[in-house]
Amino acid sequence: MNKQLSILLALLLLSTQVTAAEVAAEKEAEKKPLLDKQKFSVGAGLSYNSAGPFDEVGFQFFAAYDISEVDLMEGVDTSIELGYMDYGSFAGDSGGLWATAVIDGNISDKLGWLARAGFDFGDDNGLLIGAGLGLDIDEKMALRFEYVIRDNIDSIQLNLIYHM
């Protein structure tokens, strides 16, 4: 093989190695995890539940994930929540899982509003909707006061939420 062809092949091989390394570095820099832990929140609270002639105190706990990619309008945040609620002891063991989409926004620096719509998978299977107010305690914690309507059980809820 002549010297010029050998040099040309060596340069070509070197350029492909450099290009491959650059592409790999760019791919690594673009790699992001599927979920961002700073977008998670956890919460728990008490509820006053009404089911026909019975009124009971129950509890719930839940996890939320901010889906800021859904930009409905300026100043409105969107999240999804998944939780478990115990409605009290209406007929022994009552409660179950629920999942909702939540939108919220600010009224003032510390006071905000929220609305939710979703599905209850527990004893009160079916759609649920709710609305309420949130009060920021600090940048990580907030109190929520909500009214939630399900097919058979309406709830007044007080929840504490912690943003990761």
C-alpha atoms as a PDB file:
ATOM      1  CA  MET A   1       0.000   0.000   0.000  1.00  0.00           C
ATOM      2  CA  ASN A   2       1.395   3.379  -0.808  1.00  0.00           C
ATOM      3  CA  LYS A   3       2.255   5.895   1.880  1.00  0.00           C
ATOM      4  CA  GLN A   4      -0.410   8.490   0.914  1.00  0.00           C
ATOM      5  CA  LEU A   5      -3.229   5.939   1.005  1.00  0.00           C
ATOM      6  CA  SER A   6      -2.037   4.697   4.410  1.00  0.00           C
ATOM      7  CA  ILE A   7      -2.037   8.259   5.783  1.00  0.00           C
ATOM      8  CA  LEU A   8      -5.490   8.907   4.305  1.00  0.00           C
ATOM      9  CA  LEU A   9      -6.914   5.719   5.871  1.00  0.00           C
ATOM     10  CA  ALA A  10      -5.299   6.562   9.232  1.00  0.00           C
ATOM     11  CA  LEU A  11      -6.847  10.070   9.183  1.00  0.00           C
ATOM     12  CA  LEU A  12     -10.238   8.651   8.202  1.00  0.00           C
ATOM     13  CA  LEU A  13     -10.083   6.106  11.040  1.00  0.00           C
ATOM     14  CA  LEU A  14      -9.027   8.795  13.514  1.00  0.00           C
ATOM     15  CA  SER A  15     -11.866  11.130  12.449  1.00  0.00           C
ATOM     16  CA  THR A  16     -14.486   8.383  12.898  1.00  0.00           C
ATOM     17  CA  GLN A  17     -13.137   7.664  16.391  1.00  0.00           C
ATOM     18  CA  VAL A  18     -13.276  11.355  17.349  1.00  0.00           C
ATOM     19  CA  THR A  19     -16.791  11.709  15.899  1.00  0.00           C
ATOM     20  CA  ALA A  20     -18.004   8.570  17.713  1.00  0.00           C
ATOM     21  CA  ALA A  21     -16.575   9.879  20.998  1.00  0.00           C
ATOM     22  CA  GLU A  22     -18.290  13.256  20.488  1.00  0.00           C
ATOM     23  CA  VAL A  23     -21.645  11.596  19.708  1.00  0.00           C
ATOM     24  CA  ALA A  24     -21.333   9.374  22.803  1.00  0.00           C
ATOM     25  CA  ALA A  25     -20.521  12.414  24.971  1.00  0.00           C
ATOM     26  CA  GLU A  26     -23.536  14.325  23.584  1.00  0.00           C
ATOM     27  CA  LYS A  27     -25.843  11.342  24.197  1.00  0.00           C
ATOM     28  CA  GLU A  28     -24.593  11.042  27.784  1.00  0.00           C
ATOM     29  CA  ALA A  29     -25.180  14.767  28.372  1.00  0.00           C
ATOM     30  CA  GLU A  30     -28.753  14.465  26.983  1.00  0.00           C
ATOM     31  CA  LYS A  31     -29.586  11.424  29.112  1.00  0.00           C
ATOM     32  CA  LYS A  32     -32.123  12.358  31.763  1.00  0.00           C
ATOM     33  CA  PRO A  33     -33.942  10.091  34.178  1.00  0.00           C
ATOM     34  CA  LEU A  34     -37.569   9.288  33.438  1.00  0.00           C
ATOM     35  CA  LEU A  35     -38.725  10.886  36.716  1.00  0.00           C
ATOM     36  CA  ASP A  36     -37.212  13.818  38.602  1.00  0.00           C
ATOM     37  CA  LYS A  37     -37.242  13.285  42.389  1.00  0.00           C
ATOM     38  CA  GLN A  38     -37.629  17.030  42.976  1.00  0.00           C
ATOM     39  CA  LYS A  39     -41.064  16.883  41.319  1.00  0.00           C
ATOM     40  CA  PHE A  40     -42.422  14.399  43.899  1.00  0.00           C
ATOM     41  CA  SER A  41     -44.579  15.294  46.882  1.00  0.00           C
ATOM     42  CA  VAL A  42     -46.093  13.178  49.632  1.00  0.00           C
ATOM     43  CA  GLY A  43     -49.053  13.972  51.799  1.00  0.00           C
ATOM     44  CA  ALA A  44     -51.450  12.724  54.435  1.00  0.00           C
ATOM     45  CA  GLY A  45     -54.521  13.995  56.174  1.00  0.00           C
ATOM     46  CA  LEU A  46     -57.872  13.544  57.804  1.00  0.00           C
ATOM     47  CA  SER A  47     -61.287  13.606  56.201  1.00  0.00           C
ATOM     48  CA  TYR A  48     -64.831  14.074  57.400  1.00  0.00           C
ATOM     49  CA  ASN A  49     -66.873  11.719  55.215  1.00  0.00           C
ATOM     50  CA  SER A  50     -70.606  11.636  54.613  1.00  0.00           C
ATOM     51  CA  ALA A  51     -72.371   8.550  53.249  1.00  0.00           C
ATOM     52  CA  GLY A  52     -76.131   8.745  53.585  1.00  0.00           C
ATOM     53  CA  PRO A  53     -77.124   8.860  57.252  1.00  0.00           C
ATOM     54  CA  PHE A  54     -73.555   8.127  58.426  1.00  0.00           C
ATOM     55  CA  ASP A  55     -70.740  10.595  59.067  1.00  0.00           C
ATOM     56  CA  GLU A  56     -67.269   9.268  59.772  1.00  0.00           C
ATOM     57  CA  VAL A  57     -63.719  10.528  60.188  1.00  0.00           C
ATOM     58  CA  GLY A  58     -61.212   8.843  57.910  1.00  0.00           C
ATOM     59  CA  PHE A  59     -57.648   9.322  56.778  1.00  0.00           C
ATOM     60  CA  GLN A  60     -55.651   9.282  53.590  1.00  0.00           C
ATOM     61  CA  PHE A  61     -52.102   9.338  52.319  1.00  0.00           C
ATOM     62  CA  PHE A  62     -50.913  10.055  48.800  1.00  0.00           C
ATOM     63  CA  ALA A  63     -48.021  10.785  46.466  1.00  0.00           C
ATOM     64  CA  ALA A  64     -48.000  13.495  43.806  1.00  0.00           C
ATOM     65  CA  TYR A  65     -45.843  14.163  40.771  1.00  0.00           C
ATOM     66  CA  ASP A  66     -45.604  17.568  39.097  1.00  0.00           C
ATOM     67  CA  ILE A  67     -46.084  17.322  35.343  1.00  0.00           C
ATOM     68  CA  SER A  68     -44.957  20.822  34.446  1.00  0.00           C
ATOM     69  CA  GLU A  69     -44.679  19.681  30.816  1.00  0.00           C
ATOM     70  CA  VAL A  70     -48.476  20.098  30.687  1.00  0.00           C
ATOM     71  CA  ASP A  71     -48.693  23.878  30.445  1.00  0.00           C
ATOM     72  CA  LEU A  72     -52.418  24.686  30.496  1.00  0.00           C
ATOM     73  CA  MET A  73     -51.979  28.412  31.043  1.00  0.00           C
ATOM     74  CA  GLU A  74     -49.637  30.859  32.707  1.00  0.00           C
ATOM     75  CA  GLY A  75     -49.664  30.535  36.494  1.00  0.00           C
ATOM     76  CA  VAL A  76     -51.403  27.132  36.532  1.00  0.00           C
ATOM     77  CA  ASP A  77     -49.482  24.019  37.596  1.00  0.00           C
ATOM     78  CA  THR A  78     -50.509  20.451  36.823  1.00  0.00           C
ATOM     79  CA  SER A  79     -49.799  17.275  38.777  1.00  0.00           C
ATOM     80  CA  ILE A  80     -51.043  13.724  39.137  1.00  0.00           C
ATOM     81  CA  GLU A  81     -51.811  12.133  42.497  1.00  0.00           C
ATOM     82  CA  LEU A  82     -52.248   8.549  43.606  1.00  0.00           C
ATOM     83  CA  GLY A  83     -53.443   7.747  47.084  1.00  0.00           C
ATOM     84  CA  TYR A  84     -55.241   5.512  49.535  1.00  0.00           C
ATOM     85  CA  MET A  85     -58.217   6.677  51.571  1.00  0.00           C
ATOM     86  CA  ASP A  86     -59.982   5.047  54.478  1.00  0.00           C
ATOM     87  CA  TYR A  87     -63.523   6.472  54.670  1.00  0.00           C
ATOM     88  CA  GLY A  88     -64.066   5.485  58.301  1.00  0.00           C
ATOM     89  CA  SER A  89     -66.075   2.528  59.530  1.00  0.00           C
ATOM     90  CA  PHE A  90     -69.369   2.874  57.614  1.00  0.00           C
ATOM     91  CA  ALA A  91     -69.713  -0.875  57.169  1.00  0.00           C
ATOM     92  CA  GLY A  92     -66.485  -2.235  58.584  1.00  0.00           C
ATOM     93  CA  ASP A  93     -63.637  -2.101  56.102  1.00  0.00           C
ATOM     94  CA  SER A  94     -64.137   0.839  53.730  1.00  0.00           C
ATOM     95  CA  GLY A  95     -61.665   2.631  51.528  1.00  0.00           C
ATOM     96  CA  GLY A  96     -59.417   2.143  48.572  1.00  0.00           C
ATOM     97  CA  LEU A  97     -57.114   3.644  46.000  1.00  0.00           C
ATOM     98  CA  TRP A  98     -57.782   6.802  44.018  1.00  0.00           C
ATOM     99  CA  ALA A  99     -56.004   8.652  41.195  1.00  0.00           C
ATOM    100  CA  THR A 100     -56.543  12.255  40.104  1.00  0.00           C
ATOM    101  CA  ALA A 101     -55.221  15.031  37.912  1.00  0.00           C
ATOM    102  CA  VAL A 102     -54.787  18.260  39.875  1.00  0.00           C
ATOM    103  CA  ILE A 103     -54.450  21.837  38.697  1.00  0.00           C
ATOM    104  CA  ASP A 104     -53.506  24.649  41.042  1.00  0.00           C
ATOM    105  CA  GLY A 105     -52.498  28.273  41.070  1.00  0.00           C
ATOM    106  CA  ASN A 106     -51.758  31.185  43.383  1.00  0.00           C
ATOM    107  CA  ILE A 107     -54.215  33.664  44.834  1.00  0.00           C
ATOM    108  CA  SER A 108     -51.490  35.461  46.824  1.00  0.00           C
ATOM    109  CA  ASP A 109     -47.938  34.719  48.004  1.00  0.00           C
ATOM    110  CA  LYS A 110     -48.994  31.979  50.429  1.00  0.00           C
ATOM    111  CA  LEU A 111     -52.601  31.210  49.461  1.00  0.00           C
ATOM    112  CA  GLY A 112     -53.576  29.149  46.451  1.00  0.00           C
ATOM    113  CA  TRP A 113     -56.479  27.304  44.846  1.00  0.00           C
ATOM    114  CA  LEU A 114     -56.720  23.770  43.478  1.00  0.00           C
ATOM    115  CA  ALA A 115     -59.141  21.579  41.569  1.00  0.00           C
ATOM    116  CA  ARG A 116     -59.063  17.847  40.941  1.00  0.00           C
ATOM    117  CA  ALA A 117     -60.796  15.244  38.814  1.00  0.00           C
ATOM    118  CA  GLY A 118     -60.142  11.540  38.773  1.00  0.00           C
ATOM    119  CA  PHE A 119     -61.325   8.089  39.667  1.00  0.00           C
ATOM    120  CA  ASP A 120     -61.881   6.249  42.941  1.00  0.00           C
ATOM    121  CA  PHE A 121     -61.036   2.541  42.814  1.00  0.00           C
ATOM    122  CA  GLY A 122     -62.209   1.753  46.345  1.00  0.00           C
ATOM    123  CA  ASP A 123     -65.575   1.014  47.892  1.00  0.00           C
ATOM    124  CA  ASP A 124     -66.971   4.123  46.202  1.00  0.00           C
ATOM    125  CA  ASN A 125     -65.848   3.214  42.655  1.00  0.00           C
ATOM    126  CA  GLY A 126     -66.404   5.983  40.183  1.00  0.00           C
ATOM    127  CA  LEU A 127     -65.554   9.517  39.270  1.00  0.00           C
ATOM    128  CA  LEU A 128     -64.488  12.070  41.820  1.00  0.00           C
ATOM    129  CA  ILE A 129     -64.099  15.831  41.611  1.00  0.00           C
ATOM    130  CA  GLY A 130     -62.947  18.337  44.159  1.00  0.00           C
ATOM    131  CA  ALA A 131     -61.792  21.860  44.841  1.00  0.00           C
ATOM    132  CA  GLY A 132     -60.102  23.670  47.651  1.00  0.00           C
ATOM    133  CA  LEU A 133     -57.522  26.050  49.009  1.00  0.00           C
ATOM    134  CA  GLY A 134     -53.858  25.572  49.828  1.00  0.00           C
ATOM    135  CA  LEU A 135     -51.786  27.503  52.355  1.00  0.00           C
ATOM    136  CA  ASP A 136     -47.993  27.427  52.037  1.00  0.00           C
ATOM    137  CA  ILE A 137     -46.304  26.915  55.413  1.00  0.00           C
ATOM    138  CA  ASP A 138     -42.847  27.249  53.871  1.00  0.00           C
ATOM    139  CA  GLU A 139     -41.243  26.409  50.516  1.00  0.00           C
ATOM    140  CA  LYS A 140     -41.508  22.646  51.199  1.00  0.00           C
ATOM    141  CA  MET A 141     -44.806  22.227  53.106  1.00  0.00           C
ATOM    142  CA  ALA A 142     -48.409  23.275  52.569  1.00  0.00           C
ATOM    143  CA  LEU A 143     -51.823  22.681  54.113  1.00  0.00           C
ATOM    144  CA  ARG A 144     -54.769  21.883  51.857  1.00  0.00           C
ATOM    145  CA  PHE A 145     -58.448  22.250  52.679  1.00  0.00           C
ATOM    146  CA  GLU A 146     -60.690  20.544  50.095  1.00  0.00           C
ATOM    147  CA  TYR A 147     -64.209  19.402  49.364  1.00  0.00           C
ATOM    148  CA  VAL A 148     -64.265  16.172  47.304  1.00  0.00           C
ATOM    149  CA  ILE A 149     -67.385  14.615  45.786  1.00  0.00           C
ATOM    150  CA  ARG A 150     -67.572  10.917  44.903  1.00  0.00           C
ATOM    151  CA  ASP A 151     -70.540   8.836  43.773  1.00  0.00           C
ATOM    152  CA  ASN A 152     -71.693   7.968  47.314  1.00  0.00           C
ATOM    153  CA  ILE A 153     -69.294   9.697  49.702  1.00  0.00           C
ATOM    154  CA  ASP A 154     -68.565  13.406  50.000  1.00  0.00           C
ATOM    155  CA  SER A 155     -65.482  14.472  51.983  1.00  0.00           C
ATOM    156  CA  ILE A 156     -64.150  17.560  53.654  1.00  0.00           C
ATOM    157  CA  GLN A 157     -60.395  17.029  53.834  1.00  0.00           C
ATOM    158  CA  LEU A 158     -57.437  18.616  55.602  1.00  0.00           C
ATOM    159  CA  ASN A 159     -54.086  17.403  54.222  1.00  0.00           C
ATOM    160  CA  LEU A 160     -50.458  18.256  54.842  1.00  0.00           C
ATOM    161  CA  ILE A 161     -48.262  17.979  51.742  1.00  0.00           C
ATOM    162  CA  TYR A 162     -44.467  17.899  51.636  1.00  0.00           C
ATOM    163  CA  HIS A 163     -42.640  18.785  48.394  1.00  0.00           C
ATOM    164  CA  MET A 164     -39.376  16.846  47.943  1.00  0.00           C
END
